[in-house]
Protein backbone atom coordinates (compact mmCIF):
# COMPACT_ATOMS: atom_id res chain seq x y z
CA MET A 1 162.60 77.97 135.36
CA SER A 2 160.61 81.10 133.75
CA SER A 3 160.10 84.08 135.82
CA GLN A 4 156.12 83.33 135.37
CA ALA A 5 156.73 80.22 136.44
CA VAL A 6 157.66 82.36 140.20
CA TRP A 7 154.83 84.50 140.21
CA GLN A 8 152.70 81.50 139.62
CA GLY A 9 153.15 79.00 142.05
CA ALA A 10 150.87 76.34 140.90
CA GLY A 11 151.34 74.31 144.19
CA ARG A 12 155.08 73.97 143.88
CA ARG A 13 156.25 72.62 147.05
CA ILE A 14 158.51 74.65 148.51
CA PHE A 15 160.05 73.57 152.55
CA MET A 16 160.29 76.46 155.54
CA ASN A 17 162.99 75.56 157.37
CA GLU A 18 162.49 77.25 160.71
CA VAL A 19 165.91 79.11 162.70
CA GLY A 20 164.55 81.11 165.14
CA THR A 21 164.34 78.92 167.75
CA ARG A 22 168.01 78.68 167.71
CA ASP A 23 169.57 81.82 165.71
CA GLY A 24 166.84 84.83 167.02
CA LEU A 25 166.88 83.30 171.31
CA GLN A 26 170.69 83.04 171.11
CA MET A 27 170.63 86.79 170.82
CA GLU A 28 168.36 87.62 173.34
CA PRO A 29 169.37 89.18 176.68
CA ALA A 30 166.11 87.36 178.80
CA PHE A 31 166.47 84.02 178.87
CA VAL A 32 163.22 82.11 177.40
CA SER A 33 162.59 79.08 180.27
CA THR A 34 163.17 75.76 178.97
CA GLU A 35 159.39 74.63 179.07
CA ASP A 36 159.14 78.03 176.90
CA LYS A 37 161.75 76.74 174.64
CA ILE A 38 159.54 73.44 174.38
CA ALA A 39 156.31 74.64 173.87
CA LEU A 40 157.42 77.02 170.94
CA VAL A 41 159.20 73.97 169.01
CA ASN A 42 156.08 72.09 169.44
CA ALA A 43 153.88 75.02 167.85
CA LEU A 44 156.39 75.88 165.06
CA SER A 45 155.65 71.51 164.62
CA ASP A 46 152.33 71.85 164.73
CA ALA A 47 152.02 74.44 162.60
CA GLY A 48 154.01 71.95 159.94
CA LEU A 49 158.11 73.57 159.15
CA SER A 50 159.84 71.30 157.51
CA LYS A 51 162.97 71.35 159.38
CA ILE A 52 163.41 73.20 163.07
CA GLU A 53 166.58 74.20 164.17
CA VAL A 54 166.30 73.69 167.55
CA THR A 55 169.28 75.04 169.61
CA ALA A 56 173.10 75.10 169.56
CA PHE A 57 175.91 72.28 171.09
CA VAL A 58 177.74 75.15 172.68
CA SER A 59 179.42 76.28 175.75
CA PRO A 60 176.98 78.02 177.97
CA THR A 61 179.25 80.73 178.62
CA ALA A 62 179.56 81.37 174.67
CA ILE A 63 176.18 81.33 174.47
CA ALA A 64 174.11 81.14 177.70
CA ALA A 65 170.51 81.70 176.43
CA LEU A 66 170.60 78.30 174.50
CA ARG A 67 172.25 76.62 178.05
CA ASP A 68 169.17 73.81 178.27
CA GLY A 69 169.72 73.04 175.05
CA GLU A 70 170.28 68.93 176.17
CA ILE A 71 166.25 68.99 177.77
CA VAL A 72 165.16 70.81 174.65
CA MET A 73 165.95 68.28 172.05
CA ARG A 74 164.66 65.68 174.38
CA GLU A 75 161.34 66.43 175.39
CA ILE A 76 160.34 68.22 172.59
CA ALA A 77 156.94 66.56 170.40
CA ARG A 78 158.64 65.16 167.62
CA ARG A 79 156.38 65.42 164.52
CA PRO A 80 156.89 63.01 161.67
CA GLY A 81 157.95 64.66 158.26
CA THR A 82 159.60 67.17 160.07
CA VAL A 83 163.59 67.21 161.14
CA TYR A 84 164.87 68.35 164.25
CA THR A 85 168.24 69.76 163.21
CA ALA A 86 170.76 71.91 166.47
CA LEU A 87 174.22 73.81 165.70
CA VAL A 88 177.38 72.18 166.41
CA PRO A 89 180.83 73.41 166.79
CA ASN A 90 182.83 70.67 167.64
CA VAL A 91 183.01 66.99 168.30
CA ARG A 92 181.99 67.54 171.49
CA GLY A 93 179.38 69.53 170.83
CA ALA A 94 178.78 66.62 168.22
CA GLU A 95 178.61 63.92 170.81
CA ARG A 96 176.06 65.83 173.02
CA ALA A 97 173.84 66.48 170.13
CA ILE A 98 173.76 63.08 168.70
CA GLU A 99 173.38 61.58 172.41
CA ALA A 100 170.12 64.18 173.04
CA ARG A 101 168.66 62.53 169.80
CA THR A 102 168.90 65.24 167.27
CA GLY A 103 168.18 64.47 164.00
CA GLU A 104 170.64 66.71 161.68
CA LEU A 105 174.02 68.51 163.05
CA ASN A 106 174.58 71.79 161.53
CA LEU A 107 177.78 72.98 160.92
CA VAL A 108 178.82 76.78 160.72
CA MET A 109 181.59 78.38 159.04
CA SER A 110 182.30 81.78 156.96
CA VAL A 111 184.02 81.86 153.22
CA SER A 112 185.02 85.19 154.15
CA GLU A 113 188.78 84.57 156.39
CA THR A 114 187.85 88.02 158.19
CA HIS A 115 184.60 86.94 159.27
CA ASN A 116 185.51 83.57 160.44
CA LEU A 117 188.04 84.68 162.79
CA CYS A 118 186.06 87.19 164.36
CA ASN A 119 182.65 84.72 164.32
CA LEU A 120 184.90 81.71 165.53
CA ARG A 121 188.54 82.79 165.92
CA MET A 122 189.66 80.30 164.06
CA GLN A 123 190.90 80.71 160.16
CA ARG A 124 189.10 79.14 157.64
CA ALA A 125 191.50 75.95 157.16
CA GLN A 126 191.14 75.51 161.25
CA SER A 127 187.47 75.56 160.69
CA PHE A 128 187.39 73.18 158.20
CA ALA A 129 189.97 70.85 160.24
CA VAL A 130 187.33 70.76 163.12
CA LEU A 131 184.37 70.24 160.59
CA GLN A 132 185.92 67.52 159.26
CA GLN A 133 186.16 65.34 162.61
CA VAL A 134 182.22 66.15 163.40
CA ILE A 135 181.40 65.15 159.85
CA ALA A 136 183.13 61.72 160.81
CA THR A 137 181.48 61.39 164.53
CA ALA A 138 178.38 61.95 162.07
CA GLN A 139 178.69 59.52 159.61
CA GLN A 140 179.66 57.17 161.95
CA ALA A 141 176.43 57.34 163.74
CA ARG A 142 174.84 58.07 160.86
CA VAL A 143 173.21 60.96 161.48
CA PRO A 144 172.66 63.97 158.56
CA VAL A 145 174.93 66.74 158.47
CA ASN A 146 174.11 70.08 156.84
CA VAL A 147 177.15 72.96 156.27
CA SER A 148 176.12 76.62 156.78
CA LEU A 149 178.63 78.89 154.74
CA SER A 150 178.54 82.08 156.34
CA CYS A 151 179.09 85.49 154.07
CA CYS A 152 178.38 83.87 150.83
CA PHE A 153 176.63 87.22 148.76
CA GLY A 154 179.47 89.69 150.91
CA CYS A 155 181.46 89.96 153.50
CA PRO A 156 181.06 93.15 156.00
CA MET A 157 184.68 93.43 156.14
CA GLU A 158 185.96 92.49 153.27
CA GLY A 159 183.17 93.32 151.12
CA ASP A 160 182.50 90.81 147.89
CA VAL A 161 183.08 87.41 148.33
CA PRO A 162 183.79 85.89 144.56
CA GLN A 163 181.13 82.92 143.69
CA ALA A 164 184.37 80.67 142.65
CA GLU A 165 185.45 81.11 146.28
CA VAL A 166 182.24 80.34 147.59
CA LEU A 167 181.56 77.21 145.63
CA ALA A 168 185.23 75.64 145.84
CA TRP A 169 183.74 75.72 149.64
CA VAL A 170 180.84 73.73 148.98
CA GLN A 171 183.12 71.65 146.57
CA ARG A 172 184.90 70.65 149.94
CA PHE A 173 182.52 69.67 151.71
CA ALA A 174 180.51 68.05 149.13
CA ASP A 175 183.78 66.02 148.74
CA LEU A 176 183.17 64.48 152.46
CA GLY A 177 179.24 63.50 151.70
CA VAL A 178 177.70 65.90 153.35
CA GLN A 179 173.96 65.96 152.92
CA GLY A 180 173.26 69.96 152.80
CA ILE A 181 174.59 73.05 152.08
CA THR A 182 173.34 76.27 153.22
CA LEU A 183 174.64 79.70 151.18
CA CYS A 184 174.08 82.05 153.98
CA ASP A 185 173.19 85.95 153.16
CA THR A 186 174.95 86.38 157.00
CA THR A 187 174.44 90.55 156.70
CA GLY A 188 171.75 91.17 154.19
CA MET A 189 174.43 92.27 151.61
CA ALA A 190 172.98 89.68 148.92
CA TYR A 191 170.57 91.29 145.60
CA PRO A 192 168.74 89.43 143.16
CA SER A 193 170.68 88.98 140.36
CA GLN A 194 173.56 87.83 142.47
CA VAL A 195 171.56 85.23 144.77
CA HIS A 196 170.05 83.86 141.21
CA GLU A 197 173.34 83.61 139.29
CA MET A 198 174.95 81.90 142.32
CA THR A 199 171.62 79.39 142.83
CA ARG A 200 172.47 78.57 139.08
CA ALA A 201 175.67 77.57 139.77
CA PHE A 202 175.20 75.90 142.42
CA LYS A 203 172.17 73.33 141.14
CA ALA A 204 173.82 72.87 137.80
CA ARG A 205 177.19 71.49 139.76
CA TRP A 206 175.09 69.45 142.32
CA PRO A 207 172.22 68.56 141.29
CA ALA A 208 172.03 66.17 144.05
CA LEU A 209 173.20 67.88 147.13
CA GLY A 210 170.35 69.69 148.79
CA LEU A 211 170.48 73.92 149.03
CA THR A 212 169.22 75.83 151.63
CA LEU A 213 169.08 79.48 151.55
CA HIS A 214 169.37 81.58 154.26
CA PHE A 215 168.97 85.49 153.93
CA HIS A 216 168.76 88.79 156.14
CA ASN A 217 166.61 91.08 155.57
CA THR A 218 168.68 93.84 156.43
CA ARG A 219 168.24 95.90 153.28
CA GLY A 220 164.95 94.85 152.94
CA MET A 221 165.05 92.44 149.82
CA ALA A 222 164.77 89.38 152.10
CA LEU A 223 161.86 88.36 149.80
CA ALA A 224 162.83 89.37 146.53
CA ASN A 225 166.60 86.81 147.01
CA VAL A 226 164.33 83.93 147.84
CA LEU A 227 161.92 84.59 144.61
CA ALA A 228 165.43 85.48 142.06
CA SER A 229 166.47 82.02 143.89
CA MET A 230 163.00 80.15 143.37
CA ALA A 231 163.66 80.91 139.98
CA ALA A 232 166.95 79.06 139.32
CA GLY A 233 166.14 76.41 140.90
CA ALA A 234 165.64 76.92 144.87
CA ASP A 235 162.99 75.39 146.66
CA ARG A 236 164.28 75.02 150.50
CA PHE A 237 164.56 78.02 153.03
CA ASP A 238 165.86 79.53 156.36
CA ALA A 239 163.51 82.49 157.71
CA SER A 240 162.95 83.03 161.64
CA ILE A 241 159.96 83.39 163.18
CA GLY A 242 158.97 87.27 164.06
CA GLY A 243 162.36 87.78 162.47
CA LEU A 244 164.22 87.50 164.94
CA GLY A 245 167.90 87.36 165.12
CA GLY A 246 171.25 88.19 163.29
CA CYS A 247 174.69 87.51 163.57
CA PRO A 248 176.65 89.27 166.32
CA TYR A 249 179.72 89.54 164.70
CA ALA A 250 178.66 91.11 161.72
CA PRO A 251 178.63 95.06 161.86
CA GLY A 252 175.54 96.46 160.48
CA ALA A 253 173.32 93.04 160.56
CA SER A 254 169.95 92.86 161.25
CA GLY A 255 166.68 90.04 161.79
CA ASN A 256 166.44 86.83 159.53
CA ALA A 257 164.19 87.02 156.81
CA CYS A 258 160.76 86.52 158.95
CA THR A 259 158.71 82.80 158.38
CA GLU A 260 155.42 84.42 158.34
CA GLU A 261 156.28 87.09 156.01
CA ILE A 262 157.87 84.91 153.59
CA VAL A 263 155.30 82.01 153.90
CA HIS A 264 152.41 84.75 153.65
CA ALA A 265 153.60 85.89 150.34
CA LEU A 266 154.31 82.29 148.82
CA GLN A 267 150.92 81.37 150.01
CA LEU A 268 149.68 84.10 148.27
CA MET A 269 151.35 83.31 145.26
CA GLY A 270 149.77 79.56 145.08
CA TYR A 271 152.98 78.16 146.13
CA ASP A 272 152.39 74.66 148.64
CA THR A 273 154.83 75.62 151.92
CA GLY A 274 152.85 72.87 153.55
CA ILE A 275 152.17 75.16 157.03
CA ASP A 276 149.26 76.28 158.71
CA LEU A 277 149.68 80.39 158.29
CA PRO A 278 147.16 80.96 160.98
CA ALA A 279 148.65 78.89 163.32
CA LEU A 280 152.07 80.56 162.92
CA ILE A 281 151.20 84.06 162.78
CA ALA A 282 149.75 83.13 166.50
CA THR A 283 152.80 81.18 167.27
CA ALA A 284 154.55 84.61 166.64
CA ALA A 285 152.30 86.72 168.29
CA ARG A 286 153.68 85.33 171.31
CA LEU A 287 157.15 86.11 170.82
CA PRO A 288 156.80 89.26 172.70
CA ALA A 289 155.74 88.14 175.92
CA LEU A 290 158.09 85.31 175.74
CA ILE A 291 161.17 87.90 175.02
CA GLY A 292 159.88 91.43 176.29
CA HIS A 293 159.77 93.37 173.17
CA GLU A 294 158.44 93.78 170.03
CA VAL A 295 159.34 91.68 166.79
CA PRO A 296 160.20 93.09 163.50
CA SER A 297 157.20 91.16 161.59
CA GLN A 298 154.98 93.07 159.87
CA ILE A 299 152.88 89.85 159.81
CA ALA A 300 152.66 89.55 163.46
CA ARG A 301 151.09 93.09 163.73
CA ALA A 302 149.21 93.59 160.82
CA GLY A 303 147.44 89.80 159.86
CA HIS A 304 146.97 88.37 156.69
CA ARG A 305 146.11 90.60 153.92
CA LEU A 306 142.59 88.94 153.91
CA ASP A 307 141.81 89.48 157.75
CA LEU A 308 138.80 92.14 158.01
CA HIS A 309 138.42 95.07 160.29
CA PRO A 310 135.22 95.96 161.51
CA VAL A 311 133.66 98.73 159.79
CA PRO A 312 133.58 102.19 162.04
CA ALA A 313 131.22 102.82 164.54
CA GLY A 314 128.28 105.08 163.06
CA PHE A 315 129.07 103.71 159.99
CA ASP A 316 125.32 103.15 159.22
CA ALA A 317 124.84 106.68 159.51
CA ILE A 318 127.46 107.68 157.17
CA ARG A 319 125.70 105.68 154.60
CA GLU A 320 122.43 106.93 155.00
CA ARG A 321 123.92 110.92 154.95
CA ALA A 322 125.71 109.82 151.52
CA LEU A 323 122.91 108.04 150.53
CA ALA A 324 120.51 111.66 150.95
CA ARG A 325 123.10 113.74 149.48
CA GLN A 326 123.54 111.36 145.81
CA PRO A 327 120.29 109.75 145.60
CA SER A 328 120.60 108.97 142.04
CA LEU A 329 124.22 107.75 140.71
CA PRO A 330 124.26 106.13 137.41
CA TYR A 331 126.09 102.92 138.94
CA PRO A 332 124.93 100.20 141.52
């Protein structure tokens, strides 16, 4: 795909996956009520998100903020065309998710040994063995599986992660028959040329395997990385309403790519995201009241670029005085 095609979307379809209701809310110290979570998911559905990571089926002692996962997943209004997914760490979590009518299971491990130990308290081989069992459980129930691989573009404790190492882990899961892989920039270490090359290599090797990119804006490069991966053929991206979230086990990490910021940019460039941007911005504007603080989103504060503002008070008098000083200008 040419770079010119990236700047002029010409209606190309881009799919946005919302992760804020899981990846974002899990880090918030204030508990968002079950009713408010359901309403938030429903609003995101109404705005047209392609996929929503609703919750996580983990121990409530591990992530107390999502202890109501079963209720939320059961009681949301399901919009045709939207996939409702959830993070599951093990077979018991998978069983709970399946029972709650989750549409897809999202599994997570890191391609960095150090990060996997910090985040999951297991070696990578141990995580893989656990996830093999989860995949088998999901396949028996005919529920699709996506695997999110953390630290694909760098580990904050190990440094660069070789592309060959990342692709070797993708191959292991492809061999198990999963439906999709998410390459995660867990701590915002990715940069555009690296992202372009990783995406190109993935698409060349597994053209039929679903690919999602998950970027953080830790160093202000999330949008640049989205565009770089699109130039290599990517069309599906995780993002978080309001820019919420991060990684509690990744030193220095800040929020995820912001959904409304990415959608705002892509729509201006002519891409079809299938999203009602005003509805999405209105949903983001509700977040501070739910979580008790402002969100990183620039769009939630500033609005769409064509959201106009009234002229200052006394503008007519200012204009009249200006005309009186310069009555005959050589242009209209």
